[in-house]
Amino acid sequence: MTTQTVEAPRSAAAARRSTNWEKWGWIYMRASGLVLVVLVFGHLFINLIAGEGGVKAIDFGFVAGKWASPFWQVYDTLLLWLALVHGSNGMRTIVNDYVASPTVRRVLLGALVVSSAVLLLLGTLVVWTFDPCPAGAPADLLPSFCPAG
């Protein structure tokens, strides 16, 4: 009878370094997943059940009114960051587990970092710089709740 040895996963080499990033990534996934469940169900409850009219009531004015409050800006930014980093970390794990070529792995991980950073930056900018009534805009293009200027 012959015995076979199973190769250690590539992530095992990373675990031997002084800082175990794989362990911290694993812990982040569990903690962020737990917080995301609360944030997502809170988001769905507020937007679909607590409001009047359900999904039909969600329009430009609804978002403008919601993002006028710093609480909702922080809430939505936290939801964006946790969800995007959680998903990116999951994709990083998949790439590390299934891509054998170091060059292809490096390219995919680089693309993942760049795309995640761009999405985080753009999403955060949208939430924090959203102005439904920009100064100097033509009155016919402004929503009905904006004072005509």
C-alpha atoms as a PDB file:
ATOM      1  CA  MET A   1       0.000   0.000   0.000  1.00  0.00           C
ATOM      2  CA  THR A   2       1.389   3.383  -0.981  1.00  0.00           C
ATOM      3  CA  THR A   3       0.778   6.591   0.848  1.00  0.00           C
ATOM      4  CA  GLN A   4       0.361   9.927  -0.832  1.00  0.00           C
ATOM      5  CA  THR A   5       1.170  13.243   0.685  1.00  0.00           C
ATOM      6  CA  VAL A   6      -1.073  16.171   0.045  1.00  0.00           C
ATOM      7  CA  GLU A   7       0.622  19.423  -0.825  1.00  0.00           C
ATOM      8  CA  ALA A   8       0.104  22.278   1.591  1.00  0.00           C
ATOM      9  CA  PRO A   9      -2.128  25.017   0.135  1.00  0.00           C
ATOM     10  CA  ARG A  10      -0.384  28.111  -1.224  1.00  0.00           C
ATOM     11  CA  SER A  11      -1.957  30.155   1.558  1.00  0.00           C
ATOM     12  CA  ALA A  12      -0.027  28.058   4.123  1.00  0.00           C
ATOM     13  CA  ALA A  13       3.220  29.750   3.063  1.00  0.00           C
ATOM     14  CA  ALA A  14       1.628  33.132   3.752  1.00  0.00           C
ATOM     15  CA  ALA A  15       0.554  31.932   7.195  1.00  0.00           C
ATOM     16  CA  ARG A  16       4.167  31.319   8.213  1.00  0.00           C
ATOM     17  CA  ARG A  17       5.053  35.009   7.881  1.00  0.00           C
ATOM     18  CA  SER A  18       5.177  37.223  10.956  1.00  0.00           C
ATOM     19  CA  THR A  19       1.725  38.722  10.288  1.00  0.00           C
ATOM     20  CA  ASN A  20      -0.847  36.148   9.336  1.00  0.00           C
ATOM     21  CA  TRP A  21      -2.901  38.081   6.762  1.00  0.00           C
ATOM     22  CA  GLU A  22      -4.934  35.005   5.879  1.00  0.00           C
ATOM     23  CA  LYS A  23      -6.092  34.698   9.484  1.00  0.00           C
ATOM     24  CA  TRP A  24      -7.030  38.377   9.634  1.00  0.00           C
ATOM     25  CA  GLY A  25      -8.818  38.095   6.289  1.00  0.00           C
ATOM     26  CA  TRP A  26     -10.781  35.139   7.647  1.00  0.00           C
ATOM     27  CA  ILE A  27     -11.698  37.057  10.810  1.00  0.00           C
ATOM     28  CA  TYR A  28     -12.683  40.105   8.717  1.00  0.00           C
ATOM     29  CA  MET A  29     -14.981  37.974   6.562  1.00  0.00           C
ATOM     30  CA  ARG A  30     -16.834  36.660   9.622  1.00  0.00           C
ATOM     31  CA  ALA A  31     -17.108  40.029  11.378  1.00  0.00           C
ATOM     32  CA  SER A  32     -18.048  42.017   8.267  1.00  0.00           C
ATOM     33  CA  GLY A  33     -20.550  39.331   7.242  1.00  0.00           C
ATOM     34  CA  LEU A  34     -22.285  39.651  10.583  1.00  0.00           C
ATOM     35  CA  VAL A  35     -22.407  43.463  10.407  1.00  0.00           C
ATOM     36  CA  LEU A  36     -23.504  43.309   6.749  1.00  0.00           C
ATOM     37  CA  VAL A  37     -26.494  41.124   7.603  1.00  0.00           C
ATOM     38  CA  VAL A  38     -27.696  43.772  10.058  1.00  0.00           C
ATOM     39  CA  LEU A  39     -26.983  46.673   7.685  1.00  0.00           C
ATOM     40  CA  VAL A  40     -28.590  45.016   4.648  1.00  0.00           C
ATOM     41  CA  PHE A  41     -31.763  44.009   6.473  1.00  0.00           C
ATOM     42  CA  GLY A  42     -31.950  47.488   8.034  1.00  0.00           C
ATOM     43  CA  HIS A  43     -31.524  49.007   4.573  1.00  0.00           C
ATOM     44  CA  LEU A  44     -34.252  46.799   3.106  1.00  0.00           C
ATOM     45  CA  PHE A  45     -36.602  47.459   6.014  1.00  0.00           C
ATOM     46  CA  ILE A  46     -36.216  51.243   5.854  1.00  0.00           C
ATOM     47  CA  ASN A  47     -36.413  51.455   2.059  1.00  0.00           C
ATOM     48  CA  LEU A  48     -39.140  48.911   1.355  1.00  0.00           C
ATOM     49  CA  ILE A  49     -41.276  48.317   4.436  1.00  0.00           C
ATOM     50  CA  ALA A  50     -41.134  51.353   6.724  1.00  0.00           C
ATOM     51  CA  GLY A  51     -41.602  53.887   3.930  1.00  0.00           C
ATOM     52  CA  GLU A  52     -44.874  54.602   2.223  1.00  0.00           C
ATOM     53  CA  GLY A  53     -45.408  52.896  -1.113  1.00  0.00           C
ATOM     54  CA  GLY A  54     -42.615  50.325  -0.967  1.00  0.00           C
ATOM     55  CA  VAL A  55     -40.296  50.137  -3.926  1.00  0.00           C
ATOM     56  CA  LYS A  56     -42.485  52.521  -5.958  1.00  0.00           C
ATOM     57  CA  ALA A  57     -41.605  55.327  -3.529  1.00  0.00           C
ATOM     58  CA  ILE A  58     -37.847  55.028  -4.145  1.00  0.00           C
ATOM     59  CA  ASP A  59     -36.917  57.753  -6.573  1.00  0.00           C
ATOM     60  CA  PHE A  60     -34.536  60.683  -6.892  1.00  0.00           C
ATOM     61  CA  GLY A  61     -36.370  62.659  -4.206  1.00  0.00           C
ATOM     62  CA  PHE A  62     -36.301  59.728  -1.770  1.00  0.00           C
ATOM     63  CA  VAL A  63     -32.529  59.348  -2.143  1.00  0.00           C
ATOM     64  CA  ALA A  64     -32.000  63.114  -1.952  1.00  0.00           C
ATOM     65  CA  GLY A  65     -34.022  63.326   1.253  1.00  0.00           C
ATOM     66  CA  LYS A  66     -32.251  60.344   2.760  1.00  0.00           C
ATOM     67  CA  TRP A  67     -28.750  61.606   1.947  1.00  0.00           C
ATOM     68  CA  ALA A  68     -29.558  65.027   3.392  1.00  0.00           C
ATOM     69  CA  SER A  69     -29.014  63.369   6.768  1.00  0.00           C
ATOM     70  CA  PRO A  70     -25.421  62.646   7.889  1.00  0.00           C
ATOM     71  CA  PHE A  71     -26.678  59.469   9.603  1.00  0.00           C
ATOM     72  CA  TRP A  72     -27.778  57.958   6.274  1.00  0.00           C
ATOM     73  CA  GLN A  73     -24.599  59.088   4.552  1.00  0.00           C
ATOM     74  CA  VAL A  74     -22.523  57.244   7.167  1.00  0.00           C
ATOM     75  CA  TYR A  75     -24.868  54.231   7.086  1.00  0.00           C
ATOM     76  CA  ASP A  76     -24.741  53.902   3.294  1.00  0.00           C
ATOM     77  CA  THR A  77     -20.980  54.524   3.181  1.00  0.00           C
ATOM     78  CA  LEU A  78     -20.418  51.826   5.804  1.00  0.00           C
ATOM     79  CA  LEU A  79     -22.642  49.450   3.846  1.00  0.00           C
ATOM     80  CA  LEU A  80     -20.749  50.225   0.630  1.00  0.00           C
ATOM     81  CA  TRP A  81     -17.287  49.792   2.157  1.00  0.00           C
ATOM     82  CA  LEU A  82     -18.065  46.627   4.104  1.00  0.00           C
ATOM     83  CA  ALA A  83     -19.831  44.953   1.176  1.00  0.00           C
ATOM     84  CA  LEU A  84     -17.189  45.863  -1.393  1.00  0.00           C
ATOM     85  CA  VAL A  85     -14.204  44.923   0.754  1.00  0.00           C
ATOM     86  CA  HIS A  86     -15.994  41.726   1.853  1.00  0.00           C
ATOM     87  CA  GLY A  87     -16.637  40.759  -1.771  1.00  0.00           C
ATOM     88  CA  SER A  88     -13.129  41.722  -2.880  1.00  0.00           C
ATOM     89  CA  ASN A  89     -11.606  39.650  -0.097  1.00  0.00           C
ATOM     90  CA  GLY A  90     -13.722  36.696  -1.207  1.00  0.00           C
ATOM     91  CA  MET A  91     -12.565  37.153  -4.804  1.00  0.00           C
ATOM     92  CA  ARG A  92      -8.949  37.387  -3.603  1.00  0.00           C
ATOM     93  CA  THR A  93      -9.366  34.058  -1.829  1.00  0.00           C
ATOM     94  CA  ILE A  94     -10.827  32.455  -4.965  1.00  0.00           C
ATOM     95  CA  VAL A  95      -7.968  33.776  -7.125  1.00  0.00           C
ATOM     96  CA  ASN A  96      -5.371  32.545  -4.625  1.00  0.00           C
ATOM     97  CA  ASP A  97      -6.996  29.109  -4.440  1.00  0.00           C
ATOM     98  CA  TYR A  98      -7.646  28.443  -8.130  1.00  0.00           C
ATOM     99  CA  VAL A  99      -5.079  30.360 -10.205  1.00  0.00           C
ATOM    100  CA  ALA A 100      -1.876  28.334 -10.436  1.00  0.00           C
ATOM    101  CA  SER A 101       0.262  30.695 -12.505  1.00  0.00           C
ATOM    102  CA  PRO A 102       1.963  33.331 -10.317  1.00  0.00           C
ATOM    103  CA  THR A 103       1.947  35.879 -13.158  1.00  0.00           C
ATOM    104  CA  VAL A 104      -1.762  35.470 -13.887  1.00  0.00           C
ATOM    105  CA  ARG A 105      -2.507  35.524 -10.155  1.00  0.00           C
ATOM    106  CA  ARG A 106      -0.559  38.766  -9.729  1.00  0.00           C
ATOM    107  CA  VAL A 107      -2.374  40.382 -12.683  1.00  0.00           C
ATOM    108  CA  LEU A 108      -5.811  39.307 -11.412  1.00  0.00           C
ATOM    109  CA  LEU A 109      -5.086  40.466  -7.860  1.00  0.00           C
ATOM    110  CA  GLY A 110      -3.803  43.800  -9.193  1.00  0.00           C
ATOM    111  CA  ALA A 111      -6.953  44.242 -11.288  1.00  0.00           C
ATOM    112  CA  LEU A 112      -9.042  43.380  -8.231  1.00  0.00           C
ATOM    113  CA  VAL A 113      -7.281  45.977  -6.083  1.00  0.00           C
ATOM    114  CA  VAL A 114      -7.585  48.682  -8.752  1.00  0.00           C
ATOM    115  CA  SER A 115     -11.252  47.994  -9.502  1.00  0.00           C
ATOM    116  CA  SER A 116     -12.138  47.842  -5.803  1.00  0.00           C
ATOM    117  CA  ALA A 117     -10.307  51.100  -5.081  1.00  0.00           C
ATOM    118  CA  VAL A 118     -12.021  52.870  -8.000  1.00  0.00           C
ATOM    119  CA  LEU A 119     -15.472  51.628  -6.929  1.00  0.00           C
ATOM    120  CA  LEU A 120     -14.864  52.615  -3.287  1.00  0.00           C
ATOM    121  CA  LEU A 121     -13.691  56.073  -4.317  1.00  0.00           C
ATOM    122  CA  LEU A 122     -16.551  56.695  -6.763  1.00  0.00           C
ATOM    123  CA  GLY A 123     -19.214  55.286  -4.430  1.00  0.00           C
ATOM    124  CA  THR A 124     -17.987  57.339  -1.498  1.00  0.00           C
ATOM    125  CA  LEU A 125     -17.848  60.480  -3.631  1.00  0.00           C
ATOM    126  CA  VAL A 126     -21.428  59.932  -4.809  1.00  0.00           C
ATOM    127  CA  VAL A 127     -22.732  59.526  -1.265  1.00  0.00           C
ATOM    128  CA  TRP A 128     -20.861  62.489   0.222  1.00  0.00           C
ATOM    129  CA  THR A 129     -20.985  65.003  -2.641  1.00  0.00           C
ATOM    130  CA  PHE A 130     -24.558  64.346  -3.792  1.00  0.00           C
ATOM    131  CA  ASP A 131     -26.370  67.643  -4.283  1.00  0.00           C
ATOM    132  CA  PRO A 132     -29.885  67.372  -5.707  1.00  0.00           C
ATOM    133  CA  CYS A 133     -30.111  71.149  -6.169  1.00  0.00           C
ATOM    134  CA  PRO A 134     -26.795  72.328  -7.655  1.00  0.00           C
ATOM    135  CA  ALA A 135     -26.292  76.074  -7.855  1.00  0.00           C
ATOM    136  CA  GLY A 136     -26.535  77.526 -11.331  1.00  0.00           C
ATOM    137  CA  ALA A 137     -28.425  74.582 -12.837  1.00  0.00           C
ATOM    138  CA  PRO A 138     -31.259  75.391 -15.264  1.00  0.00           C
ATOM    139  CA  ALA A 139     -34.598  75.470 -13.437  1.00  0.00           C
ATOM    140  CA  ASP A 140     -36.213  73.038 -15.898  1.00  0.00           C
ATOM    141  CA  LEU A 141     -33.612  70.385 -15.018  1.00  0.00           C
ATOM    142  CA  LEU A 142     -34.026  70.676 -11.230  1.00  0.00           C
ATOM    143  CA  PRO A 143     -36.347  68.383  -9.270  1.00  0.00           C
ATOM    144  CA  SER A 144     -39.635  69.883  -8.092  1.00  0.00           C
ATOM    145  CA  PHE A 145     -38.505  70.139  -4.450  1.00  0.00           C
ATOM    146  CA  CYS A 146     -35.557  72.443  -5.284  1.00  0.00           C
ATOM    147  CA  PRO A 147     -36.097  76.190  -4.908  1.00  0.00           C
ATOM    148  CA  ALA A 148     -35.914  77.849  -8.333  1.00  0.00           C
ATOM    149  CA  GLY A 149     -32.741  79.878  -8.372  1.00  0.00           C
END
